[in-house]
């Protein structure tokens, strides 16, 4: 017969730590930001990606079939951009993103997700890039950007190709 004290010791030293680790990793997998002890809202995710794109000095512009990088004219704020372009952004949550994830990001895996280094959502912004062309004229071109965020909001870019 197994000693009850031995069972209790096994439970205390193996069962409880494994339970706590599984809770921790499942919360990481679900997207909880432990630094803030909460999930990021959809608006926060959109703001982070917008700010990430808006602070870049040069953005890609399609000229014919080629991509050129122009100095873009930055927007004052996310709120002003959303007022002008209310249908610019969307978030592709979870399941539908698995297809995109496997196409663009090969090193993303279950282990990345449970450690918080992976990502769950694809944030897509149809960003109207304002820039000055070679003649100094202001131009606007809509470019689609895809980003994923780690649990606490660190962005990672995903390339999109211009729709035909």
Protein backbone atom coordinates (compact mmCIF):
# COMPACT_ATOMS: atom_id res chain seq x y z
CA UNK A 1 0.00 0.00 0.00
CA UNK A 2 1.24 3.46 -0.91
CA UNK A 3 2.08 5.66 2.00
CA UNK A 4 -0.32 8.62 2.32
CA UNK A 5 2.47 10.95 3.30
CA UNK A 6 4.30 10.06 0.09
CA UNK A 7 1.16 10.85 -1.96
CA UNK A 8 0.76 14.15 -0.17
CA UNK A 9 4.41 15.02 -0.82
CA UNK A 10 4.04 14.14 -4.52
CA UNK A 11 0.91 16.30 -4.75
CA UNK A 12 2.56 19.24 -2.99
CA UNK A 13 5.88 19.15 -4.85
CA UNK A 14 4.67 18.10 -8.31
CA UNK A 15 0.91 18.58 -8.60
CA UNK A 16 0.61 22.15 -7.32
CA UNK A 17 3.56 23.56 -9.34
CA UNK A 18 2.31 21.84 -12.50
CA UNK A 19 -1.16 23.27 -11.94
CA UNK A 20 0.21 26.78 -11.46
CA UNK A 21 2.41 26.48 -14.55
CA UNK A 22 -0.49 25.27 -16.66
CA UNK A 23 -2.61 28.22 -15.49
CA UNK A 24 0.22 30.64 -16.28
CA UNK A 25 0.82 29.22 -19.75
CA UNK A 26 -2.87 29.03 -20.60
CA UNK A 27 -3.26 32.71 -19.70
CA UNK A 28 -0.24 33.50 -21.89
CA UNK A 29 -1.79 31.51 -24.71
CA UNK A 30 -5.04 33.43 -24.38
CA UNK A 31 -3.19 36.76 -24.73
CA UNK A 32 -3.06 38.10 -21.16
CA UNK A 33 -0.45 40.80 -20.66
CA UNK A 34 1.13 40.02 -17.31
CA UNK A 35 2.92 43.39 -17.13
CA UNK A 36 -0.48 45.14 -17.11
CA UNK A 37 -2.42 42.20 -15.62
CA UNK A 38 -5.13 42.50 -18.26
CA UNK A 39 -5.94 41.89 -21.90
CA UNK A 40 -5.37 44.66 -24.42
CA UNK A 41 -8.60 46.08 -25.83
CA UNK A 42 -9.23 46.17 -29.57
CA UNK A 43 -8.88 49.95 -29.55
CA UNK A 44 -5.51 49.71 -27.81
CA UNK A 45 -4.34 47.20 -30.39
CA UNK A 46 -5.41 49.49 -33.24
CA UNK A 47 -3.73 52.49 -31.61
CA UNK A 48 -0.47 50.60 -31.11
CA UNK A 49 -0.34 49.47 -34.73
CA UNK A 50 -1.34 52.92 -36.04
CA UNK A 51 1.34 54.62 -33.94
CA UNK A 52 3.89 52.04 -35.05
CA UNK A 53 3.16 52.79 -38.72
CA UNK A 54 2.69 56.53 -38.31
CA UNK A 55 6.07 57.05 -36.63
CA UNK A 56 8.02 55.42 -39.49
CA UNK A 57 9.91 57.92 -41.61
CA UNK A 58 9.43 56.14 -44.93
CA UNK A 59 6.52 53.98 -46.04
CA UNK A 60 6.12 51.84 -49.17
CA UNK A 61 4.23 53.27 -52.14
CA UNK A 62 3.26 51.26 -55.21
CA UNK A 63 4.41 52.95 -58.40
CA UNK A 64 3.24 50.73 -61.24
CA UNK A 65 4.36 47.26 -60.26
CA UNK A 66 7.29 48.48 -58.18
CA UNK A 67 7.48 49.57 -54.59
CA UNK A 68 9.21 52.81 -53.70
CA UNK A 69 9.72 54.27 -50.27
CA UNK A 70 8.75 57.90 -49.78
CA UNK A 71 8.99 60.22 -46.82
CA UNK A 72 5.47 60.24 -45.50
CA UNK A 73 3.61 63.12 -43.91
CA UNK A 74 2.63 61.91 -40.46
CA UNK A 75 -0.86 62.19 -39.00
CA UNK A 76 -1.41 64.25 -35.87
CA UNK A 77 -3.21 61.50 -33.96
CA UNK A 78 -5.06 58.23 -34.20
CA UNK A 79 -8.36 59.93 -33.31
CA UNK A 80 -8.12 62.35 -36.24
CA UNK A 81 -7.21 59.53 -38.62
CA UNK A 82 -10.18 57.43 -37.48
CA UNK A 83 -12.57 60.38 -37.97
CA UNK A 84 -11.45 60.66 -41.59
CA UNK A 85 -11.16 56.90 -42.24
CA UNK A 86 -13.71 55.14 -40.06
CA UNK A 87 -13.54 51.80 -41.91
CA UNK A 88 -9.76 51.64 -42.14
CA UNK A 89 -9.00 49.00 -39.60
CA UNK A 90 -10.05 45.57 -38.45
CA UNK A 91 -8.79 42.78 -36.26
CA UNK A 92 -8.83 39.20 -37.40
CA UNK A 93 -9.16 37.19 -34.19
CA UNK A 94 -7.94 33.67 -33.62
CA UNK A 95 -9.12 30.88 -35.90
CA UNK A 96 -9.16 32.62 -39.26
CA UNK A 97 -5.68 33.94 -38.54
CA UNK A 98 -4.15 30.45 -38.43
CA UNK A 99 -4.11 30.37 -42.24
CA UNK A 100 -2.32 33.70 -42.48
CA UNK A 101 0.00 32.74 -39.65
CA UNK A 102 1.18 29.62 -41.41
CA UNK A 103 1.69 31.48 -44.69
CA UNK A 104 3.70 34.43 -43.41
CA UNK A 105 5.30 33.48 -40.14
CA UNK A 106 6.94 30.09 -40.14
CA UNK A 107 8.45 30.22 -36.66
CA UNK A 108 5.18 30.92 -34.88
CA UNK A 109 4.07 27.89 -32.96
CA UNK A 110 2.22 26.67 -29.93
CA UNK A 111 5.37 27.16 -27.82
CA UNK A 112 5.60 30.79 -28.89
CA UNK A 113 1.99 31.38 -27.90
CA UNK A 114 2.23 29.83 -24.45
CA UNK A 115 5.39 31.77 -23.64
CA UNK A 116 3.78 35.07 -24.68
CA UNK A 117 6.20 35.58 -27.56
CA UNK A 118 3.63 34.52 -30.12
CA UNK A 119 0.45 36.27 -31.14
CA UNK A 120 -3.18 35.60 -31.65
CA UNK A 121 -4.65 38.42 -33.71
CA UNK A 122 -3.89 40.00 -37.05
CA UNK A 123 -4.46 43.76 -37.06
CA UNK A 124 -5.00 45.12 -40.57
CA UNK A 125 -4.90 48.83 -41.37
CA UNK A 126 -5.71 50.31 -44.75
CA UNK A 127 -3.33 53.20 -44.17
CA UNK A 128 -3.60 56.29 -46.36
CA UNK A 129 0.01 57.28 -46.85
CA UNK A 130 0.43 60.98 -47.51
CA UNK A 131 3.72 61.80 -49.20
CA UNK A 132 5.48 64.27 -51.45
CA UNK A 133 6.33 62.99 -54.92
CA UNK A 134 9.42 63.92 -56.96
CA UNK A 135 7.80 67.23 -58.01
CA UNK A 136 6.91 68.25 -54.47
CA UNK A 137 3.18 67.58 -54.91
CA UNK A 138 1.31 65.97 -52.06
CA UNK A 139 -0.11 62.58 -52.97
CA UNK A 140 -2.15 60.01 -51.07
CA UNK A 141 -2.08 56.27 -51.60
CA UNK A 142 -3.81 53.62 -49.55
CA UNK A 143 -1.53 50.80 -48.46
CA UNK A 144 -2.58 47.76 -46.47
CA UNK A 145 -0.45 46.91 -43.46
CA UNK A 146 -0.77 43.80 -41.37
CA UNK A 147 0.66 43.55 -37.90
CA UNK A 148 0.49 41.14 -35.05
CA UNK A 149 1.09 42.07 -31.45
CA UNK A 150 2.66 40.18 -28.64
CA UNK A 151 0.59 39.97 -25.48
CA UNK A 152 1.70 43.35 -24.17
CA UNK A 153 1.61 45.16 -27.51
CA UNK A 154 4.98 44.78 -29.20
CA UNK A 155 4.21 44.89 -32.96
CA UNK A 156 5.50 42.61 -35.68
CA UNK A 157 4.95 43.46 -39.36
CA UNK A 158 3.48 41.07 -41.90
CA UNK A 159 3.89 41.79 -45.60
CA UNK A 160 0.80 42.20 -47.75
CA UNK A 161 0.82 42.30 -51.49
CA UNK A 162 -1.16 44.85 -53.44
CA UNK A 163 -4.55 43.51 -54.45
CA UNK A 164 -4.81 43.07 -58.25
